[in-house]
Amino acid sequence: MTKKRTFATILILLLLATGPIQAELPFSLKASPLLWFNSGSADYTIEALTYVVSEDLLDTTLVGIRSKLEFPLDAALVGVDLEAASKNAAEKGWTINLGAVINITDPDKMMEDHDWFFDPDGSESIKWSWTESRAKLSYLLLKLEVAKTIASGKKLDLSLMAGFHYNHVELDMIGYSGWQVSVNNEIKGQGPVLYYRATYKLPQVGVRLKLAPSRQTSMELQLAGGRLMASDLDDHLLRGKTAEASTTGWAFLGHVKGRLMLAQEGPMRPFICGQAEWVIQKASGYQTQRWYRDEPYQDPVTGEDRVVRAGTVISGIDYETTARQVFIGVGFGLAF
């Protein structure tokens, strides 16, 4: 709640402050609060090979283990966009955009956890576990973009842009239900089961195309890509272990914006706006798992009771993470 109050206070102060100072500034300023809907998700997959020893201790078999966790990001969000541009963008040619977004609802979709055994040669896989859990979300997205006009026509401008996006996600998973082969399929539980935290840092470059058919209307298309730096941690509360990874990869993103001015004159000119944004992220690296308490379990292959001792560390686990987000936003703003 404190985060949301602070966000609202900053927004109000920005809107109140822009009027008096605008006459002294050599650039135009637009401010617009937005209501967003995100239909995204994030997931990670880990794979490892292990030897399974037969009951008579005479034979060993190399078996692959794969696990995939899917985290929902679908939620309603609120945000603010600020745009500062030179008075004559075609001549002076620069624009700065700032944005911030937080969630106001939790996901409707469930978090899912899948586990398989597979042959190392990839010829066969067997799914032996699946569960789902309700998710509570905390979401923050901060954006900075700077664009420079390189070509301009009567109604069309082409710009090069560079920017940086910071995205921080936290999820608390509550309860679980599903099945596991080793315990006759049905499993169910209540209470906190898993905590997940991910941070994505994305420097980017791209192109921006702006069309202004009239003084009242404008549209903007932007396409960009960049080097993704991601880190995440999940705490398996029921199992007493954490899993951490720091990865690098690539991301591709873009947006389409539209704006309709409701007034052409005056110190504060209202407008309505709408936009769609999308981002696809993929990164890979290695995960490290650490047990902070003993974990008893039943071997799903042999049925034997085993224990992973507290302090056990397994590193170098092949790790791949992806995130796909699609935002639809509508808002009302003021131009100064």
Protein backbone atom coordinates (compact mmCIF):
# COMPACT_ATOMS: atom_id res chain seq x y z
CA MET A 1 0.00 0.00 0.00
CA THR A 2 2.88 2.40 0.79
CA LYS A 3 4.29 1.91 -2.71
CA LYS A 4 0.95 2.80 -4.32
CA ARG A 5 0.49 5.92 -2.15
CA THR A 6 3.99 7.14 -2.96
CA PHE A 7 3.37 6.55 -6.67
CA ALA A 8 0.08 8.53 -6.56
CA THR A 9 1.71 11.41 -4.66
CA ILE A 10 4.52 11.72 -7.22
CA LEU A 11 1.98 11.74 -10.05
CA ILE A 12 -0.10 14.53 -8.46
CA LEU A 13 2.96 16.66 -7.74
CA LEU A 14 4.19 16.28 -11.31
CA LEU A 15 0.86 17.34 -12.77
CA LEU A 16 0.59 20.34 -10.43
CA ALA A 17 4.17 21.44 -10.98
CA THR A 18 4.22 21.44 -14.77
CA GLY A 19 1.83 24.37 -15.28
CA PRO A 20 3.80 27.19 -13.57
CA ILE A 21 7.20 26.16 -14.92
CA GLN A 22 6.19 25.46 -18.50
CA ALA A 23 6.39 29.10 -19.60
CA GLU A 24 10.07 29.14 -18.65
CA LEU A 25 11.04 25.92 -20.43
CA PRO A 26 12.23 25.62 -24.06
CA PHE A 27 10.33 22.37 -24.59
CA SER A 28 6.81 21.02 -24.59
CA LEU A 29 5.64 18.64 -21.89
CA LYS A 30 2.91 15.98 -21.85
CA ALA A 31 1.79 14.03 -18.77
CA SER A 32 -0.73 11.20 -18.79
CA PRO A 33 -1.81 8.65 -16.17
CA LEU A 34 -2.71 5.32 -17.76
CA LEU A 35 -4.68 2.22 -16.93
CA TRP A 36 -2.92 -0.89 -18.23
CA PHE A 37 -3.80 -4.54 -18.74
CA ASN A 38 -0.95 -7.07 -18.98
CA SER A 39 -1.50 -10.58 -20.36
CA GLY A 40 2.09 -11.70 -19.82
CA SER A 41 3.92 -14.57 -18.18
CA ALA A 42 7.45 -15.58 -17.22
CA ASP A 43 8.96 -19.05 -16.93
CA TYR A 44 12.20 -20.87 -16.42
CA THR A 45 13.38 -24.35 -17.31
CA ILE A 46 16.25 -26.28 -15.74
CA GLU A 47 17.84 -29.53 -16.90
CA ALA A 48 20.38 -31.86 -15.31
CA LEU A 49 21.68 -35.40 -15.77
CA THR A 50 22.02 -37.87 -12.92
CA TYR A 51 22.84 -41.54 -12.45
CA VAL A 52 20.13 -43.79 -11.01
CA VAL A 53 21.46 -46.88 -9.18
CA SER A 54 19.48 -50.13 -9.34
CA GLU A 55 18.16 -51.77 -6.18
CA ASP A 56 20.86 -54.48 -6.32
CA LEU A 57 23.52 -51.73 -6.66
CA LEU A 58 24.93 -53.47 -9.75
CA ASP A 59 23.65 -51.22 -12.55
CA THR A 60 23.49 -47.48 -13.13
CA THR A 61 21.41 -45.60 -15.68
CA LEU A 62 21.97 -42.03 -16.89
CA VAL A 63 18.68 -40.12 -16.63
CA GLY A 64 17.78 -36.55 -17.48
CA ILE A 65 15.65 -34.42 -15.14
CA ARG A 66 13.75 -31.40 -16.44
CA SER A 67 11.70 -28.91 -14.43
CA LYS A 68 9.67 -25.95 -15.72
CA LEU A 69 8.02 -23.26 -13.61
CA GLU A 70 5.49 -20.90 -15.23
CA PHE A 71 4.67 -17.64 -13.43
CA PRO A 72 1.60 -15.57 -14.38
CA LEU A 73 1.93 -11.80 -14.88
CA ASP A 74 -1.60 -11.09 -16.09
CA ALA A 75 -2.91 -8.13 -14.06
CA ALA A 76 -4.38 -4.66 -14.17
CA LEU A 77 -1.81 -1.91 -13.69
CA VAL A 78 -1.65 1.86 -13.35
CA GLY A 79 1.13 4.07 -14.63
CA VAL A 80 2.22 7.51 -15.69
CA ASP A 81 3.94 8.63 -18.90
CA LEU A 82 5.89 11.88 -19.17
CA GLU A 83 7.15 13.22 -22.50
CA ALA A 84 9.43 16.22 -23.00
CA ALA A 85 10.15 17.32 -26.57
CA SER A 86 11.88 20.24 -28.24
CA LYS A 87 9.40 22.90 -29.37
CA ASN A 88 10.11 22.10 -33.02
CA ALA A 89 10.98 18.43 -33.11
CA ALA A 90 11.81 18.52 -36.82
CA GLU A 91 14.50 21.17 -36.29
CA LYS A 92 15.84 20.48 -32.80
CA GLY A 93 14.88 16.84 -32.99
CA TRP A 94 14.84 15.27 -29.54
CA THR A 95 12.26 13.65 -27.27
CA ILE A 96 12.60 12.19 -23.76
CA ASN A 97 10.04 9.72 -22.39
CA LEU A 98 9.76 8.60 -18.77
CA GLY A 99 7.33 5.96 -17.53
CA ALA A 100 6.44 4.04 -14.39
CA VAL A 101 3.95 1.20 -13.93
CA ILE A 102 2.76 -0.80 -10.88
CA ASN A 103 0.10 -3.50 -10.52
CA ILE A 104 -3.24 -3.02 -8.75
CA THR A 105 -4.56 -6.60 -9.06
CA ASP A 106 -3.17 -10.11 -8.73
CA PRO A 107 -3.03 -12.61 -11.61
CA ASP A 108 -6.14 -14.58 -12.52
CA LYS A 109 -4.03 -17.41 -13.94
CA MET A 110 -2.26 -19.98 -11.78
CA MET A 111 1.45 -20.63 -11.36
CA GLU A 112 2.33 -24.10 -12.74
CA ASP A 113 5.20 -26.45 -11.91
CA HIS A 114 6.07 -29.36 -14.26
CA ASP A 115 8.66 -32.16 -13.91
CA TRP A 116 9.89 -34.79 -16.39
CA PHE A 117 12.39 -37.59 -16.73
CA PHE A 118 13.97 -37.83 -20.18
CA ASP A 119 16.50 -39.87 -22.08
CA PRO A 120 19.77 -37.96 -22.54
CA ASP A 121 19.51 -38.56 -26.30
CA GLY A 122 16.13 -36.78 -26.29
CA SER A 123 14.22 -39.75 -27.70
CA GLU A 124 11.67 -40.05 -24.86
CA SER A 125 10.37 -38.11 -21.85
CA ILE A 126 8.00 -39.02 -19.01
CA LYS A 127 6.11 -36.39 -17.05
CA TRP A 128 5.93 -37.45 -13.40
CA SER A 129 4.69 -34.33 -11.56
CA TRP A 130 2.46 -31.28 -12.07
CA THR A 131 1.07 -28.75 -9.59
CA GLU A 132 -0.58 -25.35 -9.71
CA SER A 133 -0.74 -22.54 -7.13
CA ARG A 134 -2.50 -19.21 -6.69
CA ALA A 135 -0.17 -16.20 -7.10
CA LYS A 136 0.03 -12.80 -5.39
CA LEU A 137 1.94 -10.25 -7.47
CA SER A 138 4.08 -7.16 -6.84
CA TYR A 139 5.13 -5.54 -10.14
CA LEU A 140 7.25 -2.49 -11.01
CA LEU A 141 8.32 -1.25 -14.45
CA LEU A 142 10.44 1.90 -14.98
CA LYS A 143 11.23 3.25 -18.46
CA LEU A 144 13.60 5.88 -19.87
CA GLU A 145 13.79 6.52 -23.63
CA VAL A 146 15.54 9.24 -25.63
CA ALA A 147 14.84 9.74 -29.35
CA LYS A 148 16.59 11.93 -31.94
CA THR A 149 14.89 12.87 -35.21
CA ILE A 150 17.03 11.98 -38.24
CA ALA A 151 14.52 12.59 -41.04
CA SER A 152 11.38 14.67 -41.16
CA GLY A 153 8.56 15.25 -43.64
CA LYS A 154 5.37 17.22 -43.61
CA LYS A 155 3.49 14.66 -41.51
CA LEU A 156 6.06 11.93 -40.83
CA ASP A 157 9.17 11.87 -38.61
CA LEU A 158 11.80 9.13 -38.32
CA SER A 159 13.92 8.94 -35.16
CA LEU A 160 16.62 6.79 -33.65
CA MET A 161 16.07 5.94 -30.00
CA ALA A 162 18.00 4.54 -27.05
CA GLY A 163 16.57 3.60 -23.72
CA PHE A 164 16.67 1.56 -20.54
CA HIS A 165 13.89 -0.49 -18.92
CA TYR A 166 13.96 -1.83 -15.36
CA ASN A 167 11.38 -4.49 -14.47
CA HIS A 168 11.08 -6.00 -10.98
CA VAL A 169 8.63 -8.80 -10.23
CA GLU A 170 7.81 -10.57 -6.95
CA LEU A 171 5.32 -13.43 -6.59
CA ASP A 172 4.09 -15.32 -3.54
CA MET A 173 2.52 -18.69 -4.34
CA ILE A 174 -0.26 -19.83 -2.01
CA GLY A 175 -1.53 -23.41 -1.79
CA TYR A 176 -1.03 -26.16 -4.35
CA SER A 177 -2.89 -29.01 -6.01
CA GLY A 178 -1.89 -31.52 -8.67
CA TRP A 179 -0.42 -34.98 -9.01
CA GLN A 180 2.81 -36.95 -8.66
CA VAL A 181 3.38 -40.50 -9.90
CA SER A 182 5.31 -41.49 -6.76
CA VAL A 183 2.41 -40.74 -4.37
CA ASN A 184 -0.50 -42.20 -6.35
CA ASN A 185 -1.15 -39.03 -8.28
CA GLU A 186 -3.19 -36.66 -6.09
CA ILE A 187 -1.48 -34.05 -3.90
CA LYS A 188 -2.86 -30.90 -2.28
CA GLY A 189 -1.79 -28.37 0.36
CA GLN A 190 -2.45 -24.93 1.81
CA GLY A 191 -0.44 -21.92 2.92
CA PRO A 192 2.68 -20.32 1.37
CA VAL A 193 4.58 -22.72 -0.85
CA LEU A 194 7.03 -20.66 -2.92
CA TYR A 195 8.43 -17.13 -3.24
CA TYR A 196 9.77 -15.91 -6.59
CA ARG A 197 11.69 -12.70 -7.40
CA ALA A 198 13.01 -11.63 -10.82
CA THR A 199 14.74 -8.48 -12.07
CA TYR A 200 15.18 -7.61 -15.75
CA LYS A 201 17.51 -4.83 -16.91
CA LEU A 202 17.25 -3.93 -20.58
CA PRO A 203 19.37 -1.32 -22.38
CA GLN A 204 18.01 -0.97 -25.90
CA VAL A 205 18.25 0.79 -29.26
CA GLY A 206 15.68 1.07 -32.01
CA VAL A 207 13.74 3.22 -34.44
CA ARG A 208 10.63 5.34 -33.95
CA LEU A 209 8.19 6.44 -36.65
CA LYS A 210 5.74 9.24 -35.84
CA LEU A 211 2.77 10.17 -38.03
CA ALA A 212 0.73 13.35 -37.47
CA PRO A 213 -2.21 13.40 -39.93
CA SER A 214 -3.55 16.59 -38.33
CA ARG A 215 -2.93 18.97 -35.44
CA GLN A 216 -5.37 16.96 -33.34
CA THR A 217 -4.10 13.43 -33.96
CA SER A 218 -0.79 11.61 -33.90
CA MET A 219 0.39 7.99 -34.05
CA GLU A 220 3.71 6.42 -33.16
CA LEU A 221 5.36 3.08 -33.94
CA GLN A 222 8.55 1.97 -32.19
CA LEU A 223 10.65 -1.18 -32.65
CA ALA A 224 13.69 -1.92 -30.49
CA GLY A 225 15.99 -4.64 -29.24
CA GLY A 226 18.68 -4.96 -26.64
CA ARG A 227 20.90 -7.03 -24.40
CA LEU A 228 18.97 -8.49 -21.47
CA MET A 229 20.50 -8.88 -18.00
CA ALA A 230 18.26 -10.98 -15.73
CA SER A 231 18.52 -12.38 -12.22
CA ASP A 232 16.04 -14.36 -10.18
CA LEU A 233 15.59 -16.21 -6.95
CA ASP A 234 12.95 -18.65 -5.84
CA ASP A 235 12.55 -19.98 -2.33
CA HIS A 236 10.88 -23.40 -2.19
CA LEU A 237 9.37 -22.94 1.26
CA LEU A 238 8.06 -26.50 1.54
CA ARG A 239 11.34 -28.06 0.45
CA GLY A 240 13.70 -25.79 2.38
CA LYS A 241 15.88 -24.71 -0.53
CA THR A 242 16.60 -21.67 -2.69
CA ALA A 243 17.47 -21.49 -6.39
CA GLU A 244 19.33 -18.50 -7.86
CA ALA A 245 20.48 -17.58 -11.36
CA SER A 246 22.03 -14.60 -13.14
CA THR A 247 21.65 -14.75 -16.91
CA THR A 248 22.12 -12.75 -20.09
CA GLY A 249 20.23 -12.84 -23.35
CA TRP A 250 18.24 -10.73 -25.78
CA ALA A 251 14.93 -8.92 -25.83
CA PHE A 252 12.76 -7.50 -28.60
CA LEU A 253 10.05 -4.98 -27.89
CA GLY A 254 7.92 -2.28 -29.42
CA HIS A 255 4.84 -0.16 -29.07
CA VAL A 256 2.06 1.55 -30.98
CA LYS A 257 0.64 4.80 -29.57
CA GLY A 258 -2.23 7.06 -30.57
CA ARG A 259 -3.17 10.48 -29.23
CA LEU A 260 -6.19 12.73 -29.83
CA MET A 261 -5.93 16.36 -28.67
CA LEU A 262 -9.19 17.72 -27.26
CA ALA A 263 -8.03 21.36 -27.36
CA GLN A 264 -5.43 23.25 -29.39
CA GLU A 265 -5.03 26.43 -27.36
CA GLY A 266 -4.37 27.27 -23.74
CA PRO A 267 -1.64 26.61 -21.15
CA MET A 268 -3.01 23.11 -20.42
CA ARG A 269 -4.49 21.17 -23.34
CA PRO A 270 -6.27 17.87 -22.57
CA PHE A 271 -5.92 14.76 -24.71
CA ILE A 272 -6.91 11.11 -24.67
CA CYS A 273 -4.46 8.37 -25.59
CA GLY A 274 -4.17 4.65 -26.10
CA GLN A 275 -1.25 2.34 -26.67
CA ALA A 276 -0.18 -1.25 -27.01
CA GLU A 277 3.26 -2.50 -25.99
CA TRP A 278 4.93 -5.89 -26.25
CA VAL A 279 8.20 -7.43 -25.11
CA ILE A 280 9.75 -10.86 -25.65
CA GLN A 281 12.75 -11.78 -23.48
CA LYS A 282 14.99 -14.84 -23.46
CA ALA A 283 18.13 -15.53 -21.46
CA SER A 284 20.20 -18.51 -20.40
CA GLY A 285 22.92 -19.41 -17.92
CA TYR A 286 23.35 -21.59 -14.85
CA GLN A 287 21.38 -22.01 -11.64
CA THR A 288 22.64 -22.75 -8.13
CA GLN A 289 20.45 -24.51 -5.55
CA ARG A 290 21.08 -24.39 -1.79
CA TRP A 291 19.28 -26.35 0.94
CA TYR A 292 18.80 -24.52 4.26
CA ARG A 293 17.12 -27.47 6.01
CA ASP A 294 16.99 -31.23 5.56
CA GLU A 295 14.59 -32.35 2.81
CA PRO A 296 13.26 -35.91 3.04
CA TYR A 297 11.84 -37.29 -0.20
CA GLN A 298 10.93 -40.50 -1.97
CA ASP A 299 12.97 -41.39 -5.03
CA PRO A 300 10.41 -41.34 -7.90
CA VAL A 301 12.35 -44.07 -9.75
CA THR A 302 13.21 -46.57 -6.99
CA GLY A 303 10.62 -45.59 -4.34
CA GLU A 304 13.36 -45.41 -1.67
CA ASP A 305 13.26 -42.82 1.13
CA ARG A 306 16.13 -40.35 0.87
CA VAL A 307 17.26 -37.09 2.48
CA VAL A 308 19.02 -34.02 1.07
CA ARG A 309 20.99 -32.54 3.95
CA ALA A 310 20.95 -28.85 4.92
CA GLY A 311 23.99 -27.08 3.48
CA THR A 312 23.94 -29.09 0.25
CA VAL A 313 24.79 -26.94 -2.79
CA ILE A 314 24.27 -27.95 -6.41
CA SER A 315 25.62 -25.52 -9.03
CA GLY A 316 26.09 -25.44 -12.77
CA ILE A 317 22.49 -26.46 -13.55
CA ASP A 318 21.52 -25.58 -17.12
CA TYR A 319 18.98 -22.77 -16.94
CA GLU A 320 16.80 -20.92 -19.48
CA THR A 321 14.26 -18.19 -18.79
CA THR A 322 11.71 -16.47 -21.03
CA ALA A 323 9.17 -13.71 -20.48
CA ARG A 324 6.41 -12.53 -22.79
CA GLN A 325 4.33 -9.49 -21.97
CA VAL A 326 1.61 -7.66 -23.92
CA PHE A 327 0.24 -4.41 -22.50
CA ILE A 328 -2.87 -2.52 -23.54
CA GLY A 329 -3.24 0.94 -22.02
CA VAL A 330 -5.70 3.86 -22.15
CA GLY A 331 -5.40 7.22 -20.50
CA PHE A 332 -6.19 10.92 -20.26
CA GLY A 333 -3.48 13.56 -20.16
CA LEU A 334 -2.48 17.19 -20.35
CA ALA A 335 -0.09 18.92 -22.74
CA PHE A 336 1.71 22.06 -21.52
